[in-house]
Structures are given as C-alpha cells and as structure tokens.
N, C-alpha and C. Protein backbone atom coordinates (compact mmCIF):
# COMPACT_ATOMS: atom_id res chain seq x y z
N MET A 1 96.53 51.18 116.90
CA MET A 1 96.59 49.86 116.33
C MET A 1 97.09 49.22 117.20
N ASN A 2 96.53 47.61 117.04
CA ASN A 2 97.49 47.08 117.72
C ASN A 2 98.68 46.20 116.77
N PHE A 3 99.52 45.34 117.57
CA PHE A 3 100.71 45.10 117.25
C PHE A 3 101.16 44.66 116.16
N TRP A 4 99.98 43.81 115.57
CA TRP A 4 99.90 43.30 114.20
C TRP A 4 99.99 44.26 112.98
N ASP A 5 98.67 45.06 113.50
CA ASP A 5 98.49 46.15 112.42
C ASP A 5 99.79 46.82 112.20
N HIS A 6 100.61 46.87 113.38
CA HIS A 6 101.78 48.36 113.02
C HIS A 6 102.95 47.27 112.55
N ASN A 7 102.99 46.14 112.83
CA ASN A 7 103.86 45.37 112.18
C ASN A 7 103.81 44.51 110.82
N PHE A 8 102.53 44.98 110.50
CA PHE A 8 102.38 44.60 108.68
C PHE A 8 102.21 46.05 108.06
N SER A 9 102.47 47.17 108.85
CA SER A 9 102.17 48.37 108.15
C SER A 9 103.35 48.68 107.44
N GLY A 10 104.23 48.34 107.45
CA GLY A 10 105.11 49.39 106.33
C GLY A 10 105.35 48.91 104.75
N ALA A 11 106.21 49.30 104.20
CA ALA A 11 105.80 49.00 102.57
C ALA A 11 106.45 47.80 102.64
N GLY A 12 106.08 46.66 101.33
CA GLY A 12 106.26 45.10 101.07
C GLY A 12 105.56 44.32 102.31
N TYR A 13 105.96 43.00 102.36
CA TYR A 13 105.72 41.83 103.24
C TYR A 13 106.68 41.75 104.22
N LYS A 14 106.19 41.62 105.30
CA LYS A 14 107.27 41.37 106.29
C LYS A 14 107.70 40.02 106.20
N TYR A 15 106.88 39.40 105.78
CA TYR A 15 107.83 37.96 106.08
C TYR A 15 107.57 37.17 104.75
N GLY A 16 107.55 38.44 103.77
CA GLY A 16 107.61 38.03 102.37
C GLY A 16 106.36 37.24 101.52
N THR A 17 106.60 36.92 100.35
CA THR A 17 105.22 36.46 99.53
C THR A 17 104.91 34.96 98.90
N ALA A 18 106.48 34.59 99.45
CA ALA A 18 106.38 32.79 99.10
C ALA A 18 106.34 31.92 100.49
N PRO A 19 105.56 30.76 100.56
CA PRO A 19 105.11 30.27 101.64
C PRO A 19 106.07 29.79 101.85
N ASN A 20 105.64 29.27 103.56
CA ASN A 20 106.71 28.45 104.44
C ASN A 20 107.29 27.63 103.53
N ALA A 21 108.38 27.38 103.77
CA ALA A 21 108.66 25.90 103.05
C ALA A 21 108.56 24.61 103.34
N PHE A 22 108.10 24.20 104.77
CA PHE A 22 107.60 23.28 105.75
C PHE A 22 106.21 22.82 104.87
N ILE A 23 105.19 24.17 105.07
CA ILE A 23 103.69 23.63 104.26
C ILE A 23 104.02 23.36 102.39
N ALA A 24 104.90 24.04 102.26
CA ALA A 24 105.13 23.79 100.26
C ALA A 24 105.24 22.31 100.26
N ALA A 25 106.77 21.55 101.44
CA ALA A 25 106.60 20.61 101.08
C ALA A 25 105.80 19.58 102.07
N GLU A 26 104.96 19.69 102.47
CA GLU A 26 104.01 18.66 103.02
C GLU A 26 102.47 18.96 102.58
N ALA A 27 102.52 20.56 101.50
CA ALA A 27 100.74 20.06 100.62
C ALA A 27 100.94 19.19 99.93
N HIS A 28 101.69 18.28 99.47
CA HIS A 28 101.24 17.47 98.39
C HIS A 28 100.37 16.03 99.23
N ARG A 29 100.03 16.37 100.85
CA ARG A 29 99.52 15.55 101.08
C ARG A 29 97.89 16.11 101.20
N LEU A 30 97.75 17.16 101.01
CA LEU A 30 96.08 17.85 100.37
C LEU A 30 95.65 17.02 99.01
N ALA A 31 94.63 16.54 99.19
CA ALA A 31 93.62 16.05 98.30
C ALA A 31 93.09 17.73 97.23
N ARG A 32 93.51 17.56 96.03
CA ARG A 32 93.23 18.86 95.26
C ARG A 32 91.17 19.44 95.79
N GLY A 33 91.29 20.56 95.74
CA GLY A 33 90.34 21.17 95.90
C GLY A 33 89.80 21.33 97.86
N SER A 34 90.90 20.84 98.58
CA SER A 34 90.86 20.37 99.70
C SER A 34 89.78 22.17 100.14
N ARG A 35 89.54 22.09 101.46
CA ARG A 35 89.06 23.49 102.28
C ARG A 35 89.85 23.45 103.02
N VAL A 36 91.04 24.70 102.91
CA VAL A 36 91.93 24.56 103.98
C VAL A 36 92.11 25.81 105.36
N LEU A 37 92.31 26.00 106.33
CA LEU A 37 91.99 27.11 107.11
C LEU A 37 93.90 27.08 107.47
N VAL A 38 93.76 28.40 107.32
CA VAL A 38 95.25 29.20 107.84
C VAL A 38 94.85 30.18 109.08
N PRO A 39 94.86 29.30 109.76
CA PRO A 39 94.95 30.98 111.08
C PRO A 39 95.77 31.81 111.35
N GLY A 40 96.22 33.17 111.54
CA GLY A 40 96.89 33.85 111.74
C GLY A 40 98.15 33.77 110.66
N ASP A 41 97.51 33.58 109.53
CA ASP A 41 98.21 34.30 108.60
C ASP A 41 98.91 35.44 107.78
N GLY A 42 98.58 36.20 108.55
CA GLY A 42 99.02 37.57 108.08
C GLY A 42 98.56 38.30 107.06
N GLU A 43 99.87 38.57 106.43
CA GLU A 43 99.64 38.75 105.04
C GLU A 43 99.18 38.36 103.80
N GLY A 44 99.37 36.30 104.49
CA GLY A 44 98.72 36.07 103.22
C GLY A 44 99.22 35.34 102.28
N ARG A 45 101.05 35.30 103.05
CA ARG A 45 101.64 34.10 101.97
C ARG A 45 101.19 32.53 101.83
N ASN A 46 100.73 31.84 103.23
CA ASN A 46 100.60 30.99 102.85
C ASN A 46 99.13 30.53 102.49
N GLY A 47 98.31 31.06 102.68
CA GLY A 47 96.69 31.03 101.87
C GLY A 47 97.03 31.22 100.42
N VAL A 48 97.40 32.08 100.10
CA VAL A 48 97.51 32.45 98.70
C VAL A 48 98.25 31.46 97.83
N TRP A 49 99.08 31.11 98.44
CA TRP A 49 99.93 29.82 97.89
C TRP A 49 98.78 28.71 97.65
N LEU A 50 98.39 28.49 98.64
CA LEU A 50 97.62 27.41 98.80
C LEU A 50 96.20 27.35 98.23
N ALA A 51 95.86 28.61 98.25
CA ALA A 51 94.89 28.86 97.19
C ALA A 51 95.73 28.56 95.59
N GLN A 52 96.77 28.89 95.11
CA GLN A 52 97.05 28.96 93.71
C GLN A 52 97.48 27.01 93.67
N GLN A 53 97.32 26.37 94.45
CA GLN A 53 97.52 25.30 94.39
C GLN A 53 95.73 24.10 94.20
N GLY A 54 95.13 25.32 93.87
CA GLY A 54 94.00 24.77 93.81
C GLY A 54 92.74 24.24 94.89
N HIS A 55 92.98 24.91 96.28
CA HIS A 55 92.50 24.84 97.36
C HIS A 55 91.53 25.81 97.62
N ASP A 56 90.72 25.68 98.49
CA ASP A 56 89.48 26.50 99.02
C ASP A 56 89.96 27.15 100.17
N VAL A 57 90.79 28.21 99.93
CA VAL A 57 91.34 28.61 101.58
C VAL A 57 91.19 30.00 102.42
N THR A 58 90.45 29.89 103.58
CA THR A 58 89.92 30.31 104.74
C THR A 58 91.28 31.42 105.43
N ALA A 59 91.42 32.29 105.20
CA ALA A 59 92.21 33.23 106.44
C ALA A 59 91.65 33.56 106.99
N VAL A 60 92.47 33.84 108.62
CA VAL A 60 91.72 34.03 109.43
C VAL A 60 92.83 35.27 110.45
N ASP A 61 92.38 36.02 110.43
CA ASP A 61 93.66 36.92 111.30
C ASP A 61 93.38 37.85 112.11
N TYR A 62 94.00 38.60 113.31
CA TYR A 62 93.53 39.76 114.18
C TYR A 62 93.97 40.90 113.59
N SER A 63 94.66 40.82 112.02
CA SER A 63 95.29 42.29 111.88
C SER A 63 94.38 42.58 110.45
N GLN A 64 93.47 43.54 110.10
CA GLN A 64 92.64 44.13 109.24
C GLN A 64 94.22 44.43 108.13
N VAL A 65 95.02 45.06 108.60
CA VAL A 65 96.40 45.27 107.68
C VAL A 65 96.86 44.17 107.03
N GLY A 66 97.01 43.12 107.72
CA GLY A 66 97.12 42.14 107.53
C GLY A 66 96.50 41.78 106.12
N LEU A 67 95.35 41.63 106.54
CA LEU A 67 94.15 40.70 105.84
C LEU A 67 94.34 41.54 104.55
N ASP A 68 94.09 43.05 104.64
CA ASP A 68 93.94 43.76 103.52
C ASP A 68 95.26 43.33 102.51
N LYS A 69 96.62 42.92 103.18
CA LYS A 69 97.91 43.01 102.32
C LYS A 69 97.42 41.59 101.40
N ALA A 70 96.74 40.88 102.16
CA ALA A 70 96.44 39.00 101.88
C ALA A 70 95.36 38.93 100.82
N ARG A 71 94.66 39.94 100.59
CA ARG A 71 93.72 40.64 99.47
C ARG A 71 94.43 40.60 98.25
N ALA A 72 94.82 41.55 98.63
CA ALA A 72 95.79 42.44 97.46
C ALA A 72 96.66 41.19 96.52
N LEU A 73 97.34 40.67 97.57
CA LEU A 73 98.23 39.52 96.88
C LEU A 73 97.15 38.22 96.15
N ALA A 74 96.36 37.89 96.69
CA ALA A 74 95.51 36.94 96.32
C ALA A 74 94.78 37.29 94.59
N ALA A 75 94.57 39.02 94.71
CA ALA A 75 93.90 39.77 93.27
C ALA A 75 95.35 39.37 92.46
N GLN A 76 96.70 39.33 93.38
CA GLN A 76 97.67 39.84 92.11
C GLN A 76 98.00 38.62 91.75
N ARG A 77 97.81 37.33 91.98
CA ARG A 77 97.87 36.19 91.63
C ARG A 77 96.86 35.50 90.99
N GLY A 78 95.87 36.18 91.18
CA GLY A 78 94.22 36.13 90.08
C GLY A 78 93.69 34.71 91.09
N VAL A 79 93.60 34.69 92.14
CA VAL A 79 92.65 33.22 93.12
C VAL A 79 92.04 33.78 94.38
N THR A 80 91.32 33.10 94.75
CA THR A 80 90.34 33.88 95.81
C THR A 80 90.68 33.08 96.91
N LEU A 81 90.94 34.05 97.90
CA LEU A 81 91.19 33.84 99.52
C LEU A 81 90.05 34.01 100.23
N HIS A 82 89.16 33.48 101.02
CA HIS A 82 88.52 34.11 102.36
C HIS A 82 88.82 34.86 102.99
N THR A 83 88.57 35.56 103.95
CA THR A 83 89.23 35.91 104.76
C THR A 83 88.28 36.61 106.14
N GLU A 84 88.85 36.42 107.15
CA GLU A 84 88.21 36.79 107.84
C GLU A 84 88.92 37.47 109.78
N LEU A 85 88.38 38.49 109.45
CA LEU A 85 88.99 39.33 111.06
C LEU A 85 88.80 39.22 112.29
N ALA A 86 89.41 38.32 113.34
CA ALA A 86 89.20 37.48 114.53
C ALA A 86 90.76 37.26 115.14
N ASP A 87 90.12 37.60 116.60
CA ASP A 87 90.96 37.32 117.39
C ASP A 87 90.90 35.63 118.01
N LEU A 88 92.03 34.64 117.39
CA LEU A 88 91.70 33.48 117.71
C LEU A 88 91.60 32.88 119.32
N THR A 89 92.04 33.70 120.24
CA THR A 89 91.64 33.32 121.42
C THR A 89 90.12 33.57 121.58
N GLU A 90 89.24 34.04 120.73
CA GLU A 90 87.88 34.30 121.04
C GLU A 90 87.04 33.61 119.92
N TRP A 91 87.42 33.10 118.65
CA TRP A 91 87.00 32.96 117.60
C TRP A 91 86.13 31.46 117.99
N GLU A 92 85.05 31.71 117.05
CA GLU A 92 84.27 30.17 117.27
C GLU A 92 84.29 29.37 115.94
N ALA A 93 84.99 28.61 115.23
CA ALA A 93 85.37 28.14 113.88
C ALA A 93 84.33 26.95 114.11
N PRO A 94 83.87 27.01 112.88
CA PRO A 94 82.51 25.86 111.99
C PRO A 94 83.22 24.74 112.28
N ALA A 95 82.20 23.57 113.22
CA ALA A 95 82.80 22.49 113.40
C ALA A 95 82.52 21.54 112.10
N GLN A 96 83.64 21.03 112.07
CA GLN A 96 83.97 19.95 110.67
C GLN A 96 84.01 20.19 109.44
N LEU A 97 84.10 21.46 109.19
CA LEU A 97 84.39 21.94 107.99
C LEU A 97 85.19 22.04 106.95
N PHE A 98 86.06 21.98 107.97
CA PHE A 98 87.98 22.15 106.86
C PHE A 98 88.95 20.57 106.59
N ASP A 99 89.33 20.56 105.57
CA ASP A 99 90.07 19.21 105.00
C ASP A 99 91.19 19.44 105.86
N ALA A 100 91.80 21.16 105.96
CA ALA A 100 93.23 20.68 106.85
C ALA A 100 93.18 22.12 107.50
N LEU A 101 94.49 22.23 108.22
CA LEU A 101 94.69 23.40 109.14
C LEU A 101 95.97 23.47 108.65
N ALA A 102 96.50 24.76 108.81
CA ALA A 102 97.72 25.01 108.38
C ALA A 102 98.47 25.79 109.49
N LEU A 103 99.14 25.87 110.75
CA LEU A 103 99.58 26.90 111.74
C LEU A 103 100.88 26.84 111.07
N VAL A 104 101.17 28.37 111.09
CA VAL A 104 102.55 28.59 110.84
C VAL A 104 103.10 29.94 111.64
N PHE A 105 104.25 29.48 112.58
CA PHE A 105 104.34 30.26 113.63
C PHE A 105 103.69 30.73 114.16
N VAL A 106 101.75 30.45 114.50
CA VAL A 106 101.25 31.06 115.77
C VAL A 106 101.51 30.72 116.80
N HIS A 107 101.93 31.66 117.95
CA HIS A 107 102.64 31.28 119.25
C HIS A 107 101.40 32.24 120.02
N LEU A 108 100.88 30.70 120.91
CA LEU A 108 100.10 31.99 121.61
C LEU A 108 100.38 31.39 123.16
N PRO A 109 99.87 32.08 123.95
CA PRO A 109 99.84 32.22 125.59
C PRO A 109 99.45 31.06 126.18
N THR A 110 100.63 30.57 126.98
CA THR A 110 100.29 29.09 127.76
C THR A 110 99.03 29.16 128.28
N ALA A 111 98.08 29.74 128.68
CA ALA A 111 96.72 29.81 129.17
C ALA A 111 95.61 29.89 128.27
N ILE A 112 96.35 29.59 126.95
CA ILE A 112 95.17 29.66 126.14
C ILE A 112 95.64 28.93 124.66
N ARG A 113 96.62 28.77 125.12
CA ARG A 113 96.89 27.84 123.71
C ARG A 113 96.31 26.16 123.25
N ALA A 114 96.27 25.61 124.57
CA ALA A 114 96.05 24.19 124.14
C ALA A 114 94.21 24.60 123.94
N GLN A 115 93.22 25.22 124.58
CA GLN A 115 92.30 26.14 124.18
C GLN A 115 91.93 26.17 122.54
N VAL A 116 92.97 27.16 122.24
CA VAL A 116 92.53 27.02 120.97
C VAL A 116 92.83 26.46 120.11
N HIS A 117 93.98 25.38 120.33
CA HIS A 117 94.59 24.39 119.39
C HIS A 117 92.60 23.32 119.40
N GLN A 118 92.10 23.04 120.28
CA GLN A 118 91.36 22.28 120.85
C GLN A 118 89.87 22.44 119.61
N ARG A 119 89.89 24.03 119.87
CA ARG A 119 88.84 24.66 118.44
C ARG A 119 89.29 24.63 117.40
N LEU A 120 90.65 24.70 117.08
CA LEU A 120 90.88 24.68 115.75
C LEU A 120 90.64 23.29 115.31
N LEU A 121 90.86 21.88 115.77
CA LEU A 121 90.67 20.91 115.78
C LEU A 121 89.02 20.20 115.31
N GLN A 122 88.46 21.24 116.40
CA GLN A 122 87.07 20.76 115.84
C GLN A 122 86.34 21.41 114.64
N ALA A 123 87.06 22.40 113.66
CA ALA A 123 87.11 22.51 112.93
C ALA A 123 87.46 21.59 111.43
N LEU A 124 88.31 21.09 112.22
CA LEU A 124 88.20 19.55 111.16
C LEU A 124 87.56 18.79 110.94
N LYS A 125 86.75 17.91 109.51
CA LYS A 125 86.81 16.83 109.41
C LYS A 125 87.28 15.87 109.64
N PRO A 126 86.86 14.46 109.84
CA PRO A 126 87.48 13.47 110.80
C PRO A 126 88.06 13.24 109.69
N GLY A 127 89.74 12.45 109.65
CA GLY A 127 90.42 12.59 108.54
C GLY A 127 91.26 13.71 108.34
N GLY A 128 91.21 14.86 108.51
CA GLY A 128 91.46 16.09 108.26
C GLY A 128 92.81 16.61 108.85
N LEU A 129 94.04 17.22 108.15
CA LEU A 129 95.41 17.15 108.61
C LEU A 129 95.69 18.59 109.11
N VAL A 130 96.45 18.34 109.50
CA VAL A 130 97.10 19.48 111.04
C VAL A 130 98.47 19.44 110.64
N LEU A 131 99.12 20.90 109.94
CA LEU A 131 100.11 20.65 109.59
C LEU A 131 100.72 21.87 110.34
N ILE A 132 101.51 21.87 110.92
CA ILE A 132 102.29 23.35 112.13
C ILE A 132 103.69 23.18 111.89
N GLU A 133 104.61 24.84 111.45
CA GLU A 133 105.55 24.81 112.05
C GLU A 133 105.67 25.98 113.26
N ALA A 134 106.47 25.62 114.29
CA ALA A 134 106.68 27.33 115.28
C ALA A 134 108.00 26.48 115.65
N PHE A 135 108.34 27.81 116.47
CA PHE A 135 109.63 27.96 117.00
C PHE A 135 109.81 27.43 118.27
N THR A 136 111.06 26.99 118.87
CA THR A 136 110.79 26.22 119.57
C THR A 136 112.22 26.96 120.64
N PRO A 137 111.87 26.77 122.35
CA PRO A 137 112.88 27.28 123.43
C PRO A 137 114.05 27.87 122.54
N LYS A 138 114.97 27.26 121.79
CA LYS A 138 116.28 27.36 121.43
C LYS A 138 116.10 28.06 120.46
N GLN A 139 115.00 28.92 120.09
CA GLN A 139 115.25 30.02 118.61
C GLN A 139 115.71 31.66 119.73
N LEU A 140 115.40 31.24 121.25
CA LEU A 140 115.10 32.28 122.21
C LEU A 140 116.90 32.98 121.70
N HIS A 141 117.47 32.32 121.13
CA HIS A 141 118.78 33.14 121.27
C HIS A 141 119.66 33.33 120.02
N LEU A 142 118.90 33.52 118.67
CA LEU A 142 118.39 33.42 117.46
C LEU A 142 117.74 34.59 116.83
N ARG A 143 118.41 35.73 116.10
CA ARG A 143 117.48 36.56 115.73
C ARG A 143 116.55 36.14 114.29
N SER A 144 116.10 35.35 113.88
CA SER A 144 115.47 34.93 112.97
C SER A 144 114.55 35.11 112.83
N GLY A 145 113.67 35.67 114.68
CA GLY A 145 112.09 36.13 114.66
C GLY A 145 112.00 35.10 115.61
N GLY A 146 110.67 35.30 116.03
CA GLY A 146 109.71 34.67 116.99
C GLY A 146 109.94 35.37 118.39
N PRO A 147 108.83 34.83 119.17
CA PRO A 147 108.58 35.62 120.48
C PRO A 147 109.92 35.89 121.44
N LYS A 148 109.91 36.45 121.91
CA LYS A 148 110.97 36.10 123.09
C LYS A 148 110.67 36.37 124.60
N ASP A 149 109.56 35.61 124.75
CA ASP A 149 109.13 34.63 125.99
C ASP A 149 108.92 33.01 125.75
N VAL A 150 109.76 32.50 126.32
CA VAL A 150 110.00 31.35 126.56
C VAL A 150 108.44 30.67 126.54
N ALA A 151 107.73 31.05 127.06
CA ALA A 151 106.41 30.70 127.18
C ALA A 151 105.71 30.82 126.04
N MET A 152 106.14 31.13 124.91
CA MET A 152 105.08 31.14 123.55
C MET A 152 105.77 30.14 122.83
N LEU A 153 106.95 29.61 122.95
CA LEU A 153 107.60 28.92 122.33
C LEU A 153 107.19 27.12 122.91
N TYR A 154 107.40 26.57 121.87
CA TYR A 154 106.59 25.03 121.63
C TYR A 154 107.69 24.18 121.35
N THR A 155 107.28 22.78 121.76
CA THR A 155 108.24 21.60 121.97
C THR A 155 107.31 20.65 120.93
N LEU A 156 108.17 19.46 120.96
CA LEU A 156 107.56 18.14 120.20
C LEU A 156 106.18 17.99 121.04
N ASP A 157 106.59 17.87 122.16
CA ASP A 157 106.17 16.91 123.62
C ASP A 157 104.66 18.06 124.07
N LEU A 158 105.13 19.46 123.90
CA LEU A 158 103.90 20.58 123.69
C LEU A 158 103.18 19.85 122.94
N LEU A 159 102.81 19.97 121.91
CA LEU A 159 102.39 19.55 120.67
C LEU A 159 101.66 18.12 120.78
N ARG A 160 102.10 17.37 120.78
CA ARG A 160 101.74 16.21 121.02
C ARG A 160 100.55 16.13 122.08
N ALA A 161 100.70 16.65 123.23
CA ALA A 161 100.22 17.01 124.34
C ALA A 161 98.60 17.13 123.64
N ASP A 162 99.33 18.72 123.11
CA ASP A 162 97.91 19.54 122.68
C ASP A 162 96.67 18.56 121.56
N PHE A 163 97.95 17.91 121.00
CA PHE A 163 96.92 17.15 119.39
C PHE A 163 96.27 15.61 120.00
N ALA A 164 97.16 15.24 120.70
CA ALA A 164 97.25 13.02 120.76
C ALA A 164 95.83 12.65 121.15
N ALA A 165 95.57 13.61 121.56
CA ALA A 165 93.89 12.86 121.83
C ALA A 165 93.13 12.33 120.52
N GLU A 166 93.00 13.41 119.78
CA GLU A 166 92.22 13.62 119.14
C GLU A 166 92.96 13.03 116.94
N THR A 167 94.07 12.87 117.50
CA THR A 167 94.24 12.81 116.30
C THR A 167 95.52 11.24 115.98
N ARG A 168 96.47 10.95 114.52
CA ARG A 168 97.32 10.53 115.06
C ARG A 168 98.47 11.00 114.12
N GLU A 169 99.51 11.20 114.76
CA GLU A 169 101.36 11.55 114.29
C GLU A 169 101.57 10.75 113.21
N LEU A 170 101.26 11.70 112.28
CA LEU A 170 102.00 11.04 110.49
C LEU A 170 103.44 11.46 110.90
N MET A 171 103.65 12.62 111.11
CA MET A 171 105.56 12.59 110.84
C MET A 171 105.46 14.10 112.43
N SER A 172 107.02 13.95 112.74
CA SER A 172 107.28 15.30 113.79
C SER A 172 108.69 15.26 113.43
N LEU A 173 109.27 16.69 113.76
CA LEU A 173 110.58 16.32 114.41
C LEU A 173 110.83 17.74 114.35
N GLU A 174 111.84 18.21 115.60
CA GLU A 174 112.74 19.65 116.22
C GLU A 174 113.55 19.50 115.14
N CYS A 175 114.07 20.38 114.60
CA CYS A 175 115.55 20.80 113.81
C CYS A 175 115.90 21.93 113.83
N GLU A 176 117.22 22.18 113.24
CA GLU A 176 117.27 23.39 113.01
C GLU A 176 117.54 23.98 111.30
N THR A 177 117.44 25.18 111.18
CA THR A 177 116.63 24.93 109.70
C THR A 177 117.51 26.71 109.06
N HIS A 178 116.88 27.20 107.97
CA HIS A 178 117.42 28.59 107.69
C HIS A 178 116.46 29.22 107.00
N LEU A 179 116.10 30.10 107.48
CA LEU A 179 114.51 30.84 106.92
C LEU A 179 114.97 31.86 106.38
N ASP A 180 114.48 32.27 105.34
CA ASP A 180 114.50 33.22 103.98
C ASP A 180 112.45 33.34 103.57
N GLU A 181 112.60 34.41 104.96
CA GLU A 181 110.97 34.53 104.69
C GLU A 181 110.92 35.97 105.01
N GLY A 182 111.62 37.04 103.54
CA GLY A 182 111.07 38.79 103.97
C GLY A 182 112.05 38.91 105.27
N PRO A 183 112.07 40.12 105.39
CA PRO A 183 112.76 40.91 106.32
C PRO A 183 112.56 40.01 107.72
N GLY A 184 111.33 39.43 107.93
CA GLY A 184 111.11 38.93 109.24
C GLY A 184 111.69 38.03 109.63
N HIS A 185 112.16 36.86 108.89
CA HIS A 185 112.36 35.60 109.21
C HIS A 185 113.44 35.67 108.04
N GLN A 186 114.89 36.09 108.80
CA GLN A 186 116.09 35.58 108.14
C GLN A 186 116.58 35.15 109.02
N GLY A 187 117.71 33.98 108.59
CA GLY A 187 118.89 33.33 109.33
C GLY A 187 118.68 32.01 110.07
N PRO A 188 119.35 31.49 109.95
CA PRO A 188 119.37 30.19 111.32
C PRO A 188 118.18 30.16 112.15
N ALA A 189 117.92 29.06 112.30
CA ALA A 189 116.26 28.97 113.18
C ALA A 189 116.31 27.54 113.68
N HIS A 190 115.31 27.61 114.95
CA HIS A 190 115.25 26.07 115.38
C HIS A 190 113.77 26.24 115.50
N VAL A 191 113.25 24.88 114.93
CA VAL A 191 111.38 24.84 114.54
C VAL A 191 111.72 23.28 115.29
N VAL A 192 109.95 23.18 115.46
CA VAL A 192 109.03 21.84 115.69
C VAL A 192 108.19 21.95 114.26
N ARG A 193 108.16 20.56 114.10
CA ARG A 193 107.20 20.64 112.60
C ARG A 193 106.48 19.42 113.05
N GLY A 194 105.17 19.34 112.39
CA GLY A 194 104.73 18.14 112.58
C GLY A 194 103.44 17.88 111.69
N VAL A 195 102.66 16.71 111.34
CA VAL A 195 101.88 16.66 110.81
C VAL A 195 101.18 15.80 111.63
N TRP A 196 99.46 16.49 112.02
CA TRP A 196 98.77 15.08 112.25
C TRP A 196 97.11 14.99 111.10
N GLN A 197 96.69 13.81 111.54
CA GLN A 197 95.35 13.53 111.03
C GLN A 197 94.87 13.19 112.25
N LYS A 198 93.41 14.26 111.96
CA LYS A 198 92.47 13.84 113.00
C LYS A 198 91.72 12.42 112.76
N CYS A 199 91.00 11.80 114.06
CA CYS A 199 91.10 10.64 114.26
C CYS A 199 89.08 10.69 113.28
C-alpha cells in the first residue's frame, strides 16, 4: 500500500468533503461547463464540488483508495466525476484539452516539479486558467498539514518561474490563513495562492 492509499484508508475523508476555500472563491472565473483537470485530487473534495458547479471534471490521483472515495462522493452528490489512476511524474496529459487546471496542495519534489507543471500546462487550451494553492516554507513550523521537507514547499517566485513563460498572472499572494479541511488540515497555515492564464 503506498503512502496515499494508507493516508486515505481511514474512516471518513482525511481533508473533508467541502472544497478548498481558495478554489471556491476563484471558481467564478470559470465559464459554465468548463473542462477542468484536478491533479492530485485525493478523495475528490475539489473535483466533486467543481462538478456540482456544472463543470466537466477529470481527477487524476496516485491513490486508488482516494479515487474510490471520490467516486463515492460524486455518486452521493449526484454528479459525474471522471477519474484516472496515475503517477503525475509519469502521466502524459492530453494536449490542449482542458479549460482549467486546479492544483490544491500538490507538492512535488524539486527534481520533477517544473517538468510536471509544464506537462500540466500543455493540457490547457490557450486562455485556460491555472488555479493553485500550496504551502510555503513558513508552513514548516505549523501543524496544519503539508510536507515537512522544505524542498517540497513553494514560494510565489518559484511558481512564477514555473508558469511565467507560457502564462500571464491574474492574481497571486503569499498569506496566512486558517484551514478547516477535515482532520488533515486544521489550524493556522501559510500558503501561496495564484491564478494564471495560458497565453
């Protein structure tokens, strides 16, 4: 059993069933019926919520346990969620298929982060949106979740370096927030948030 299967194997939903607050706040940018890719969606809280808003959502995750829970949540909410079991470090995203990309706390090792981000960008149509929230290095001293390896934490400058060549920045910030996302994300947190549009 891999780390994420183990993480999601308990009763209930590790990060809750409500959407990430940043994604919910910024989803107004998406045209109704958008095709949305949600890599690393885990147990499906963001993908299912986006499907409830009328979008055509594909969730990709490395955990079969998480995807099973995501499909169960989608069925409970009466929506369709397309799922694909894949390791993002190896997954070949279809070219220019999606209108938006939602990346929520998807932390990747330094050696492959930029490469994966570039492949995910290739899945977006021109004009497509990237919505992202991630933990910053200041999260290391907090107990509300996230990797405990500073190399896997993100800064605004790092994300700009990954996305700037092919996108224009619509909004971004690093800030403190309070997470209330199931038992896995509770309490004060330090995050980076941004919205980019593919050129």
